[in-house]
Amino acid sequence: PASRHLNVEAARQSLVLLQNRLQTLPFAASSAMGPSKVVVVGPSGNSTRLLGGGHYARPMAIVDGFENDGIPGIPGAIRHTLGDAAYVEWFPGIKCSPRPDQVCVDPKYDAALEKAALAAVEDATHVVLVLGLQSSAPCDSAQAYRDGGNQFNPCGYESEQHDRTRLTLPKIQQDLGKAVLAAAKKHKVPAAVVLVHGGTLAVEGLKADADAILDAHYPGEVTGAQAIADALWGRFSPAGKLTHSFMPAV
């Protein structure tokens, strides 16, 4: 327990708030209309291995230490932080090949998955958009190259033995992010972007579209998701005590 506490505190302190217009963060835990309905969108939004940069410190099952109420990753951590005050759903928004650790492999545009995510945003109380540079995303088709890759760059994602030739997010994620943030703005739903990555990212497009951007880097597969949830709601878990608030953005 002491090591876990130290790890989650280190992860909390490693997060960087890049943008916070309109004092979007910290989110309110609930509204006058009832419990929070939190919609998490992103192809690896429920991945725990992604939070550790794709590496395990030791052999771990997906339920070992970082799954809350049967939900892995950031959605489970949000549910754990807010308790009965929240209903949490995850939508990939992008089609991925199945993999047991939830890392998105071979991402492709899927109109139905994007539509489902946008529909969920309409009646949400909060939106958390998880974007990043997860590995295991080979470019193996003309469409994949159009979505942001070339022969030196595996679709804009980072991995060992590959050079990235662009600093931006892969186009398929940029497009998803723009659509989700537009839907959130249209329906007046507070939304925050969480970036999960190791390499440098240029986020000019996100800066224009997002009111809040939280850069998580790779915060750790065991405690990283909890640190992210705590920061988004300004709380420690499980007691739910307010621990900090963010200064208004200039």
Protein backbone atom coordinates (compact mmCIF):
# COMPACT_ATOMS: atom_id res chain seq x y z
CA PRO A 1 0.00 0.00 0.00
CA ALA A 2 2.79 2.46 0.79
CA SER A 3 4.45 1.86 -2.58
CA ARG A 4 1.14 2.24 -4.40
CA HIS A 5 0.48 5.52 -2.57
CA LEU A 6 3.92 6.80 -3.55
CA ASN A 7 3.40 5.74 -7.17
CA VAL A 8 0.05 7.43 -7.55
CA GLU A 9 1.36 10.61 -5.93
CA ALA A 10 4.35 10.64 -8.29
CA ALA A 11 1.99 10.14 -11.23
CA ARG A 12 -0.25 13.00 -10.05
CA GLN A 13 2.70 15.35 -9.79
CA SER A 14 3.98 14.39 -13.27
CA LEU A 15 0.78 15.55 -15.04
CA VAL A 16 0.93 18.85 -16.91
CA LEU A 17 -2.09 21.08 -17.46
CA LEU A 18 -1.47 22.61 -20.89
CA GLN A 19 -4.73 24.50 -21.22
CA ASN A 20 -7.73 25.30 -19.03
CA ARG A 21 -10.04 27.84 -20.58
CA LEU A 22 -13.22 28.84 -18.79
CA GLN A 23 -11.99 27.00 -15.67
CA THR A 24 -13.20 23.77 -17.21
CA LEU A 25 -11.13 21.76 -14.73
CA PRO A 26 -11.59 20.49 -12.16
CA PHE A 27 -14.89 18.98 -13.24
CA ALA A 28 -17.85 19.12 -10.88
CA ALA A 29 -18.65 15.67 -9.52
CA SER A 30 -22.37 15.93 -10.21
CA SER A 31 -24.99 18.38 -11.39
CA ALA A 32 -28.42 19.53 -10.32
CA MET A 33 -29.82 17.16 -12.93
CA GLY A 34 -28.52 14.08 -11.10
CA PRO A 35 -25.44 11.83 -11.12
CA SER A 36 -22.64 12.47 -13.60
CA LYS A 37 -22.63 10.60 -16.89
CA VAL A 38 -19.00 10.55 -17.96
CA VAL A 39 -18.23 9.57 -21.54
CA VAL A 40 -14.64 8.52 -22.23
CA VAL A 41 -13.72 8.49 -25.92
CA GLY A 42 -10.53 7.22 -27.54
CA PRO A 43 -9.23 4.03 -29.13
CA SER A 44 -7.08 3.08 -26.13
CA GLY A 45 -9.03 4.95 -23.48
CA ASN A 46 -9.58 1.77 -21.51
CA SER A 47 -6.05 0.43 -21.92
CA THR A 48 -3.85 0.06 -18.88
CA ARG A 49 -0.76 -1.12 -20.72
CA LEU A 50 -0.79 2.05 -22.83
CA LEU A 51 -0.40 4.14 -19.67
CA GLY A 52 2.89 2.40 -19.01
CA GLY A 53 4.24 3.02 -22.48
CA GLY A 54 3.47 -0.50 -23.64
CA HIS A 55 5.82 -2.19 -21.17
CA TYR A 56 5.03 -4.24 -18.09
CA ALA A 57 7.38 -4.07 -15.14
CA ARG A 58 6.35 -7.64 -14.34
CA PRO A 59 3.87 -10.14 -15.78
CA MET A 60 0.40 -8.82 -14.98
CA ALA A 61 -3.12 -9.78 -15.88
CA ILE A 62 -5.48 -7.02 -16.92
CA VAL A 63 -7.24 -7.26 -13.54
CA ASP A 64 -4.10 -7.01 -11.44
CA GLY A 65 -4.23 -3.84 -9.41
CA PHE A 66 -5.71 -1.38 -11.85
CA GLU A 67 -9.24 -2.50 -12.74
CA ASN A 68 -12.10 -0.82 -10.87
CA ASP A 69 -15.60 -2.31 -10.77
CA GLY A 70 -14.72 -4.52 -13.73
CA ILE A 71 -13.69 -1.55 -15.90
CA PRO A 72 -10.00 -1.15 -16.82
CA GLY A 73 -8.01 1.99 -17.45
CA ILE A 74 -9.22 5.57 -17.22
CA PRO A 75 -12.97 4.74 -17.24
CA GLY A 76 -12.53 2.44 -14.25
CA ALA A 77 -10.44 4.99 -12.38
CA ILE A 78 -13.09 7.68 -12.93
CA ARG A 79 -15.76 5.33 -11.61
CA HIS A 80 -13.56 4.57 -8.60
CA THR A 81 -12.97 8.27 -7.89
CA LEU A 82 -16.61 9.35 -8.17
CA GLY A 83 -18.20 6.22 -6.75
CA ASP A 84 -21.97 6.01 -7.00
CA ALA A 85 -22.10 9.62 -8.19
CA ALA A 86 -21.17 8.66 -11.74
CA TYR A 87 -22.11 6.45 -14.66
CA VAL A 88 -19.09 5.91 -16.91
CA GLU A 89 -19.06 4.68 -20.52
CA TRP A 90 -16.15 4.16 -22.92
CA PHE A 91 -16.37 4.49 -26.71
CA PRO A 92 -13.34 3.74 -28.93
CA GLY A 93 -14.49 5.96 -31.80
CA ILE A 94 -11.96 4.15 -34.02
CA LYS A 95 -11.87 0.50 -35.10
CA CYS A 96 -9.00 -1.48 -33.60
CA SER A 97 -7.92 -5.09 -33.95
CA PRO A 98 -8.66 -7.15 -30.82
CA ARG A 99 -5.88 -7.42 -28.25
CA PRO A 100 -6.23 -8.58 -24.64
CA ASP A 101 -4.37 -5.62 -23.12
CA GLN A 102 -6.66 -3.10 -24.89
CA VAL A 103 -3.84 -1.41 -26.83
CA CYS A 104 -5.29 -0.28 -30.16
CA VAL A 105 -3.71 -2.22 -33.02
CA ASP A 106 -4.09 -1.28 -36.70
CA PRO A 107 -6.53 1.62 -36.15
CA LYS A 108 -9.01 2.36 -38.93
CA TYR A 109 -11.82 4.84 -39.45
CA ASP A 110 -15.24 3.39 -38.66
CA ALA A 111 -18.30 5.57 -39.24
CA ALA A 112 -20.51 3.53 -36.91
CA LEU A 113 -18.07 3.70 -34.00
CA GLU A 114 -17.59 7.44 -34.45
CA LYS A 115 -21.35 7.97 -34.64
CA ALA A 116 -21.86 6.00 -31.41
CA ALA A 117 -19.28 8.12 -29.61
CA LEU A 118 -20.80 11.38 -30.84
CA ALA A 119 -24.30 10.25 -29.84
CA ALA A 120 -23.08 9.46 -26.33
CA VAL A 121 -21.59 12.94 -26.01
CA GLU A 122 -25.00 14.54 -26.56
CA ASP A 123 -26.43 13.60 -23.16
CA ALA A 124 -23.17 13.36 -21.20
CA THR A 125 -22.35 15.58 -18.24
CA HIS A 126 -18.59 15.31 -18.86
CA VAL A 127 -16.43 14.15 -21.76
CA VAL A 128 -12.87 12.84 -21.46
CA LEU A 129 -11.13 12.47 -24.82
CA VAL A 130 -8.05 10.22 -24.65
CA LEU A 131 -5.59 10.66 -27.52
CA GLY A 132 -1.98 9.67 -27.92
CA LEU A 133 0.80 7.80 -29.67
CA GLN A 134 0.13 4.20 -28.76
CA SER A 135 2.38 1.67 -30.45
CA SER A 136 1.54 -1.37 -32.58
CA ALA A 137 -0.11 0.59 -35.36
CA PRO A 138 1.52 -0.50 -38.63
CA CYS A 139 0.86 1.27 -41.91
CA ASP A 140 -0.19 -1.48 -44.28
CA SER A 141 -2.65 0.14 -46.66
CA ALA A 142 -3.11 3.22 -48.84
CA GLN A 143 -5.83 4.43 -46.47
CA ALA A 144 -3.46 4.10 -43.53
CA TYR A 145 -0.93 6.33 -45.27
CA ARG A 146 -3.63 8.89 -45.99
CA ASP A 147 -4.47 8.81 -42.29
CA GLY A 148 -1.03 10.14 -41.44
CA GLY A 149 1.75 7.71 -42.19
CA ASN A 150 4.55 7.10 -44.67
CA GLN A 151 7.25 4.52 -45.23
CA PHE A 152 9.33 5.88 -42.33
CA ASN A 153 6.51 6.42 -39.89
CA PRO A 154 4.08 3.72 -38.67
CA CYS A 155 0.94 5.79 -39.14
CA GLY A 156 2.22 8.60 -36.96
CA TYR A 157 2.57 6.42 -33.88
CA GLU A 158 5.67 5.87 -31.79
CA SER A 159 7.41 2.56 -31.34
CA GLU A 160 10.88 1.14 -31.16
CA GLN A 161 12.99 1.12 -34.34
CA HIS A 162 10.76 3.65 -36.10
CA ASP A 163 11.30 7.35 -36.71
CA ARG A 164 8.35 9.71 -36.54
CA THR A 165 8.40 12.25 -39.35
CA ARG A 166 5.58 14.38 -37.94
CA LEU A 167 5.02 15.92 -34.53
CA THR A 168 1.23 15.95 -34.75
CA LEU A 169 -1.21 13.28 -33.64
CA PRO A 170 -2.09 10.72 -36.34
CA LYS A 171 -4.75 12.17 -38.64
CA ILE A 172 -7.34 9.56 -37.71
CA GLN A 173 -7.13 10.71 -34.08
CA GLN A 174 -7.10 14.37 -35.03
CA ASP A 175 -10.33 13.88 -36.96
CA LEU A 176 -11.97 12.00 -34.09
CA GLY A 177 -10.88 14.66 -31.61
CA LYS A 178 -12.24 17.50 -33.72
CA ALA A 179 -15.61 15.75 -34.10
CA VAL A 180 -15.95 14.89 -30.40
CA LEU A 181 -14.96 18.37 -29.21
CA ALA A 182 -17.37 19.99 -31.69
CA ALA A 183 -20.20 17.79 -30.41
CA ALA A 184 -19.35 18.62 -26.81
CA LYS A 185 -19.35 22.34 -27.57
CA LYS A 186 -22.63 22.08 -29.48
CA HIS A 187 -24.36 20.38 -26.55
CA LYS A 188 -22.56 22.50 -23.93
CA VAL A 189 -20.85 19.53 -22.31
CA PRO A 190 -17.55 20.28 -20.52
CA ALA A 191 -14.77 18.29 -22.16
CA ALA A 192 -11.11 17.65 -21.44
CA VAL A 193 -8.43 16.09 -23.63
CA VAL A 194 -5.97 13.68 -21.99
CA LEU A 195 -2.76 13.09 -23.95
CA VAL A 196 -0.89 9.80 -23.43
CA HIS A 197 2.48 9.69 -25.19
CA GLY A 198 6.24 9.66 -24.85
CA GLY A 199 7.47 11.64 -27.85
CA THR A 200 6.96 15.32 -28.56
CA LEU A 201 3.51 16.41 -29.69
CA ALA A 202 2.45 19.55 -31.54
CA VAL A 203 -1.09 20.35 -30.39
CA GLU A 204 -2.03 23.56 -32.20
CA GLY A 205 -5.25 22.02 -33.51
CA LEU A 206 -6.27 20.78 -30.08
CA LYS A 207 -5.49 24.15 -28.53
CA ALA A 208 -8.01 25.77 -30.83
CA ASP A 209 -10.74 23.18 -30.21
CA ALA A 210 -10.30 22.09 -26.59
CA ASP A 211 -10.98 24.10 -23.46
CA ALA A 212 -8.87 21.78 -21.30
CA ILE A 213 -5.81 19.70 -22.18
CA LEU A 214 -4.09 17.48 -19.61
CA ASP A 215 -0.78 15.94 -20.66
CA ALA A 216 -0.28 12.64 -18.86
CA HIS A 217 2.80 11.39 -20.75
CA TYR A 218 3.11 7.71 -19.70
CA PRO A 219 2.02 7.88 -16.04
CA GLY A 220 2.19 4.14 -15.27
CA GLU A 221 -0.12 1.22 -15.91
CA VAL A 222 -0.95 0.55 -12.25
CA THR A 223 -1.58 4.02 -10.85
CA GLY A 224 -1.56 6.31 -13.89
CA ALA A 225 -5.28 6.06 -14.61
CA GLN A 226 -6.12 6.91 -11.01
CA ALA A 227 -3.83 9.94 -11.08
CA ILE A 228 -5.55 11.19 -14.24
CA ALA A 229 -9.02 10.78 -12.73
CA ASP A 230 -7.95 12.51 -9.53
CA ALA A 231 -6.57 15.47 -11.48
CA LEU A 232 -9.64 15.83 -13.70
CA TRP A 233 -11.93 16.06 -10.68
CA GLY A 234 -9.45 17.67 -8.28
CA ARG A 235 -9.84 14.81 -5.82
CA PHE A 236 -8.01 12.10 -3.99
CA SER A 237 -9.57 8.67 -4.14
CA PRO A 238 -11.35 6.95 -2.51
CA ALA A 239 -12.23 9.57 0.13
CA GLY A 240 -13.19 12.11 -2.51
CA LYS A 241 -11.70 15.06 -0.65
CA LEU A 242 -10.99 18.15 -2.73
CA THR A 243 -7.23 18.43 -2.91
CA HIS A 244 -6.57 21.21 -5.36
CA SER A 245 -8.11 23.49 -7.93
CA PHE A 246 -6.67 24.99 -11.09
CA MET A 247 -5.89 28.65 -11.57
CA PRO A 248 -8.00 30.33 -14.26
CA ALA A 249 -6.33 30.29 -17.63
CA VAL A 250 -4.96 33.60 -18.85
